[in-house]
Amino acid sequence: MRRVLVLNQDYSPLTVTSAERAFLLMYLEKAELVHEDVERSIRTVSESYPMPSVIRLQHYVYIPFKSVMLSRQNIFKRDGFECQYCGSVRDLTIDHVIPKSKGGESSWKNLVTACKTCNSTKGDLTPEKAEMVLKVAPYKPSYIVFLKNFSGFTSQEWLQYLSVN
């Protein structure tokens, strides 16, 4: 599925959507084309339209706080769909670095992707007590970094809007 970066009226990144949804927003004049994919187009029986790569909304949408939603799938994306202990890409699950029974929370900084074998081996211990080393310490990705790295990035035109200062 072709992905399109959606910018707010002030050119700040808002979200990523499908090319079909982006085209509909442009057709209904709720958004304007900022960058097109010159190698592709959207065709009807009688017309050809540019394939959007980046669109900008006509009206500003107020978002009080942009944050990446904590979900199983987003943890997997952040961790590159591999076990953070052994690097396996099979039988993945979620592990609490500090176990829930020891006061560990379900948060970005305490959840990692782990294969079932490592998760079972670690059990109800901390990585140190289980003598297991995390490849990368868990972190909460910023909204912009998440859009850039984990949302189906497809176009070089996105980079100028997703630059991290």
C-alpha atoms as a PDB file:
ATOM      1  CA  MET A   1       0.000   0.000   0.000  1.00  0.00           C
ATOM      2  CA  ARG A   2       1.350   3.426  -0.963  1.00  0.00           C
ATOM      3  CA  ARG A   3       1.802   5.777   2.034  1.00  0.00           C
ATOM      4  CA  VAL A   4       1.441   9.576   2.058  1.00  0.00           C
ATOM      5  CA  LEU A   5       2.717  12.047   4.643  1.00  0.00           C
ATOM      6  CA  VAL A   6      -0.022  14.403   5.860  1.00  0.00           C
ATOM      7  CA  LEU A   7       1.083  17.851   7.006  1.00  0.00           C
ATOM      8  CA  ASN A   8      -0.930  20.261   9.095  1.00  0.00           C
ATOM      9  CA  GLN A   9      -1.669  23.683   7.606  1.00  0.00           C
ATOM     10  CA  ASP A  10       1.579  25.006   9.159  1.00  0.00           C
ATOM     11  CA  TYR A  11       3.597  22.238   7.416  1.00  0.00           C
ATOM     12  CA  SER A  12       4.190  20.295  10.640  1.00  0.00           C
ATOM     13  CA  PRO A  13       3.894  16.497  10.216  1.00  0.00           C
ATOM     14  CA  LEU A  14       0.550  15.172  11.381  1.00  0.00           C
ATOM     15  CA  THR A  15       0.232  11.551  10.288  1.00  0.00           C
ATOM     16  CA  VAL A  16       0.710   9.049   7.503  1.00  0.00           C
ATOM     17  CA  THR A  17      -2.217   7.811   5.447  1.00  0.00           C
ATOM     18  CA  SER A  18      -2.948   5.726   2.368  1.00  0.00           C
ATOM     19  CA  ALA A  19      -2.662   7.217  -1.115  1.00  0.00           C
ATOM     20  CA  GLU A  20      -6.387   6.586  -1.603  1.00  0.00           C
ATOM     21  CA  ARG A  21      -7.326   8.585   1.504  1.00  0.00           C
ATOM     22  CA  ALA A  22      -4.892  11.356   0.534  1.00  0.00           C
ATOM     23  CA  PHE A  23      -6.402  11.562  -2.951  1.00  0.00           C
ATOM     24  CA  LEU A  24      -9.891  11.771  -1.452  1.00  0.00           C
ATOM     25  CA  LEU A  25      -8.817  14.644   0.840  1.00  0.00           C
ATOM     26  CA  MET A  26      -7.393  16.474  -2.192  1.00  0.00           C
ATOM     27  CA  TYR A  27     -10.454  15.752  -4.332  1.00  0.00           C
ATOM     28  CA  LEU A  28     -12.747  17.126  -1.603  1.00  0.00           C
ATOM     29  CA  GLU A  29     -10.426  20.179  -1.388  1.00  0.00           C
ATOM     30  CA  LYS A  30      -9.594  19.470   2.249  1.00  0.00           C
ATOM     31  CA  ALA A  31      -5.913  19.137   1.373  1.00  0.00           C
ATOM     32  CA  GLU A  32      -3.483  20.278  -1.282  1.00  0.00           C
ATOM     33  CA  LEU A  33      -0.714  18.414  -3.038  1.00  0.00           C
ATOM     34  CA  VAL A  34       2.743  19.432  -1.789  1.00  0.00           C
ATOM     35  CA  HIS A  35       4.860  16.717  -3.451  1.00  0.00           C
ATOM     36  CA  GLU A  36       3.897  14.081  -5.961  1.00  0.00           C
ATOM     37  CA  ASP A  37       5.438  10.753  -6.891  1.00  0.00           C
ATOM     38  CA  VAL A  38       6.516  11.486 -10.477  1.00  0.00           C
ATOM     39  CA  GLU A  39       6.865   7.784 -11.277  1.00  0.00           C
ATOM     40  CA  ARG A  40       3.249   6.950 -10.446  1.00  0.00           C
ATOM     41  CA  SER A  41      -0.212   8.328 -11.075  1.00  0.00           C
ATOM     42  CA  ILE A  42      -3.812   7.607 -10.147  1.00  0.00           C
ATOM     43  CA  ARG A  43      -5.915   6.771 -13.175  1.00  0.00           C
ATOM     44  CA  THR A  44      -9.624   6.722 -13.795  1.00  0.00           C
ATOM     45  CA  VAL A  45     -11.337   5.793 -17.046  1.00  0.00           C
ATOM     46  CA  SER A  46     -10.941   9.302 -18.438  1.00  0.00           C
ATOM     47  CA  GLU A  47      -8.427  11.136 -16.201  1.00  0.00           C
ATOM     48  CA  SER A  48      -4.968  10.819 -14.744  1.00  0.00           C
ATOM     49  CA  TYR A  49      -4.072  12.454 -11.421  1.00  0.00           C
ATOM     50  CA  PRO A  50      -0.687  12.838  -9.728  1.00  0.00           C
ATOM     51  CA  MET A  51       0.125  10.256  -7.054  1.00  0.00           C
ATOM     52  CA  PRO A  52       0.542  12.182  -3.792  1.00  0.00           C
ATOM     53  CA  SER A  53       3.656  11.760  -1.689  1.00  0.00           C
ATOM     54  CA  VAL A  54       3.080  14.690   0.712  1.00  0.00           C
ATOM     55  CA  ILE A  55      -0.168  16.623   1.202  1.00  0.00           C
ATOM     56  CA  ARG A  56      -1.039  19.607   3.394  1.00  0.00           C
ATOM     57  CA  LEU A  57      -4.400  20.148   5.082  1.00  0.00           C
ATOM     58  CA  GLN A  58      -6.269  23.338   4.157  1.00  0.00           C
ATOM     59  CA  HIS A  59      -7.315  24.002   7.758  1.00  0.00           C
ATOM     60  CA  TYR A  60      -5.197  23.712  10.883  1.00  0.00           C
ATOM     61  CA  VAL A  61      -5.974  20.693  13.055  1.00  0.00           C
ATOM     62  CA  TYR A  62      -5.200  21.310  16.720  1.00  0.00           C
ATOM     63  CA  ILE A  63      -3.560  18.301  18.340  1.00  0.00           C
ATOM     64  CA  PRO A  64      -2.920  18.998  22.046  1.00  0.00           C
ATOM     65  CA  PHE A  65      -0.166  16.402  22.434  1.00  0.00           C
ATOM     66  CA  LYS A  66       1.314  14.185  19.764  1.00  0.00           C
ATOM     67  CA  SER A  67       2.545  10.932  21.200  1.00  0.00           C
ATOM     68  CA  VAL A  68       3.191   7.452  19.915  1.00  0.00           C
ATOM     69  CA  MET A  69       0.568   5.092  21.248  1.00  0.00           C
ATOM     70  CA  LEU A  70       1.925   2.271  23.379  1.00  0.00           C
ATOM     71  CA  SER A  71       0.875  -0.955  21.697  1.00  0.00           C
ATOM     72  CA  ARG A  72       2.271  -4.398  21.091  1.00  0.00           C
ATOM     73  CA  GLN A  73       2.774  -3.676  17.388  1.00  0.00           C
ATOM     74  CA  ASN A  74       4.556  -0.371  18.091  1.00  0.00           C
ATOM     75  CA  ILE A  75       6.933  -2.084  20.546  1.00  0.00           C
ATOM     76  CA  PHE A  76       7.740  -4.640  17.823  1.00  0.00           C
ATOM     77  CA  LYS A  77       8.326  -1.827  15.306  1.00  0.00           C
ATOM     78  CA  ARG A  78      10.583   0.106  17.687  1.00  0.00           C
ATOM     79  CA  ASP A  79      12.647  -3.035  18.344  1.00  0.00           C
ATOM     80  CA  GLY A  80      12.929  -3.981  14.671  1.00  0.00           C
ATOM     81  CA  PHE A  81      10.828  -7.139  15.073  1.00  0.00           C
ATOM     82  CA  GLU A  82      13.674  -8.969  16.821  1.00  0.00           C
ATOM     83  CA  CYS A  83      14.327 -10.306  20.291  1.00  0.00           C
ATOM     84  CA  GLN A  84      16.244  -7.736  22.321  1.00  0.00           C
ATOM     85  CA  TYR A  85      18.142 -10.493  24.129  1.00  0.00           C
ATOM     86  CA  CYS A  86      19.230 -12.937  21.394  1.00  0.00           C
ATOM     87  CA  GLY A  87      18.246 -11.286  18.101  1.00  0.00           C
ATOM     88  CA  SER A  88      15.781 -13.988  17.022  1.00  0.00           C
ATOM     89  CA  VAL A  89      12.925 -12.970  14.719  1.00  0.00           C
ATOM     90  CA  ARG A  90      10.736 -16.001  15.494  1.00  0.00           C
ATOM     91  CA  ASP A  91       8.009 -16.542  18.106  1.00  0.00           C
ATOM     92  CA  LEU A  92       8.102 -12.949  19.355  1.00  0.00           C
ATOM     93  CA  THR A  93       6.310 -11.701  22.427  1.00  0.00           C
ATOM     94  CA  ILE A  94       6.565  -8.767  24.833  1.00  0.00           C
ATOM     95  CA  ASP A  95       8.740  -8.872  27.966  1.00  0.00           C
ATOM     96  CA  HIS A  96       8.601  -6.626  31.018  1.00  0.00           C
ATOM     97  CA  VAL A  97      12.271  -5.752  31.728  1.00  0.00           C
ATOM     98  CA  ILE A  98      11.400  -5.239  35.386  1.00  0.00           C
ATOM     99  CA  PRO A  99       8.717  -7.902  35.959  1.00  0.00           C
ATOM    100  CA  LYS A 100       5.230  -6.780  36.939  1.00  0.00           C
ATOM    101  CA  SER A 101       5.571  -8.790  40.148  1.00  0.00           C
ATOM    102  CA  LYS A 102       8.542  -6.582  41.079  1.00  0.00           C
ATOM    103  CA  GLY A 103       6.651  -3.339  40.387  1.00  0.00           C
ATOM    104  CA  GLY A 104       7.454  -3.053  36.676  1.00  0.00           C
ATOM    105  CA  GLU A 105       5.008  -1.002  34.646  1.00  0.00           C
ATOM    106  CA  SER A 106       3.650  -1.499  31.163  1.00  0.00           C
ATOM    107  CA  SER A 107       5.487   1.467  29.663  1.00  0.00           C
ATOM    108  CA  TRP A 108       7.778   2.257  26.729  1.00  0.00           C
ATOM    109  CA  LYS A 109      10.814   2.176  29.011  1.00  0.00           C
ATOM    110  CA  ASN A 110       9.980  -1.211  30.542  1.00  0.00           C
ATOM    111  CA  LEU A 111       8.712  -3.252  27.576  1.00  0.00           C
ATOM    112  CA  VAL A 112      10.867  -4.966  24.963  1.00  0.00           C
ATOM    113  CA  THR A 113      10.415  -7.505  22.205  1.00  0.00           C
ATOM    114  CA  ALA A 114      11.583 -10.966  23.266  1.00  0.00           C
ATOM    115  CA  CYS A 115      11.325 -14.406  21.757  1.00  0.00           C
ATOM    116  CA  LYS A 116       9.363 -16.953  23.763  1.00  0.00           C
ATOM    117  CA  THR A 117      12.557 -18.826  24.677  1.00  0.00           C
ATOM    118  CA  CYS A 118      14.304 -15.755  26.146  1.00  0.00           C
ATOM    119  CA  ASN A 119      11.110 -14.552  27.826  1.00  0.00           C
ATOM    120  CA  SER A 120      10.710 -17.971  29.450  1.00  0.00           C
ATOM    121  CA  THR A 121      14.399 -18.153  30.428  1.00  0.00           C
ATOM    122  CA  LYS A 122      14.279 -14.682  32.008  1.00  0.00           C
ATOM    123  CA  GLY A 123      11.004 -15.505  33.743  1.00  0.00           C
ATOM    124  CA  ASP A 124      10.289 -13.404  36.831  1.00  0.00           C
ATOM    125  CA  LEU A 125      13.821 -11.960  37.050  1.00  0.00           C
ATOM    126  CA  THR A 126      15.470  -8.751  35.962  1.00  0.00           C
ATOM    127  CA  PRO A 127      17.903  -9.102  33.035  1.00  0.00           C
ATOM    128  CA  GLU A 128      20.842  -8.707  35.432  1.00  0.00           C
ATOM    129  CA  LYS A 129      19.685 -11.496  37.745  1.00  0.00           C
ATOM    130  CA  ALA A 130      18.957 -13.734  34.748  1.00  0.00           C
ATOM    131  CA  GLU A 131      22.401 -12.808  33.337  1.00  0.00           C
ATOM    132  CA  MET A 132      20.824 -11.635  30.082  1.00  0.00           C
ATOM    133  CA  VAL A 133      21.910  -8.469  28.304  1.00  0.00           C
ATOM    134  CA  LEU A 134      19.554  -6.211  26.369  1.00  0.00           C
ATOM    135  CA  LYS A 135      20.809  -5.234  22.906  1.00  0.00           C
ATOM    136  CA  VAL A 136      19.296  -1.739  23.289  1.00  0.00           C
ATOM    137  CA  ALA A 137      17.749  -0.134  26.344  1.00  0.00           C
ATOM    138  CA  PRO A 138      14.011   0.426  25.860  1.00  0.00           C
ATOM    139  CA  TYR A 139      12.980   4.013  25.068  1.00  0.00           C
ATOM    140  CA  LYS A 140       9.929   6.008  24.117  1.00  0.00           C
ATOM    141  CA  PRO A 141      10.244   7.121  20.488  1.00  0.00           C
ATOM    142  CA  SER A 142       9.328  10.704  19.673  1.00  0.00           C
ATOM    143  CA  TYR A 143       6.366  11.249  17.376  1.00  0.00           C
ATOM    144  CA  ILE A 144       8.526  12.619  14.545  1.00  0.00           C
ATOM    145  CA  VAL A 145      11.097   9.813  14.812  1.00  0.00           C
ATOM    146  CA  PHE A 146       8.291   7.248  14.853  1.00  0.00           C
ATOM    147  CA  LEU A 147       6.722   8.720  11.713  1.00  0.00           C
ATOM    148  CA  LYS A 148      10.094   8.762  10.010  1.00  0.00           C
ATOM    149  CA  ASN A 149      11.342   5.315  10.985  1.00  0.00           C
ATOM    150  CA  PHE A 150       8.324   3.117  11.585  1.00  0.00           C
ATOM    151  CA  SER A 151       5.338   4.321   9.572  1.00  0.00           C
ATOM    152  CA  GLY A 152       6.040   3.010   6.094  1.00  0.00           C
ATOM    153  CA  PHE A 153       8.378   5.816   5.000  1.00  0.00           C
ATOM    154  CA  THR A 154       8.377   5.823   1.209  1.00  0.00           C
ATOM    155  CA  SER A 155       9.658   9.128  -0.123  1.00  0.00           C
ATOM    156  CA  GLN A 156      12.736  11.338   0.087  1.00  0.00           C
ATOM    157  CA  GLU A 157      10.401  14.369   0.024  1.00  0.00           C
ATOM    158  CA  TRP A 158       9.309  13.453   3.556  1.00  0.00           C
ATOM    159  CA  LEU A 159      12.746  14.132   5.040  1.00  0.00           C
ATOM    160  CA  GLN A 160      12.500  17.939   5.005  1.00  0.00           C
ATOM    161  CA  TYR A 161       9.307  17.739   7.094  1.00  0.00           C
ATOM    162  CA  LEU A 162      10.497  14.980   9.417  1.00  0.00           C
ATOM    163  CA  SER A 163      13.895  16.421  10.286  1.00  0.00           C
ATOM    164  CA  VAL A 164      14.714  16.074  13.958  1.00  0.00           C
ATOM    165  CA  ASN A 165      16.349  19.223  15.319  1.00  0.00           C
END
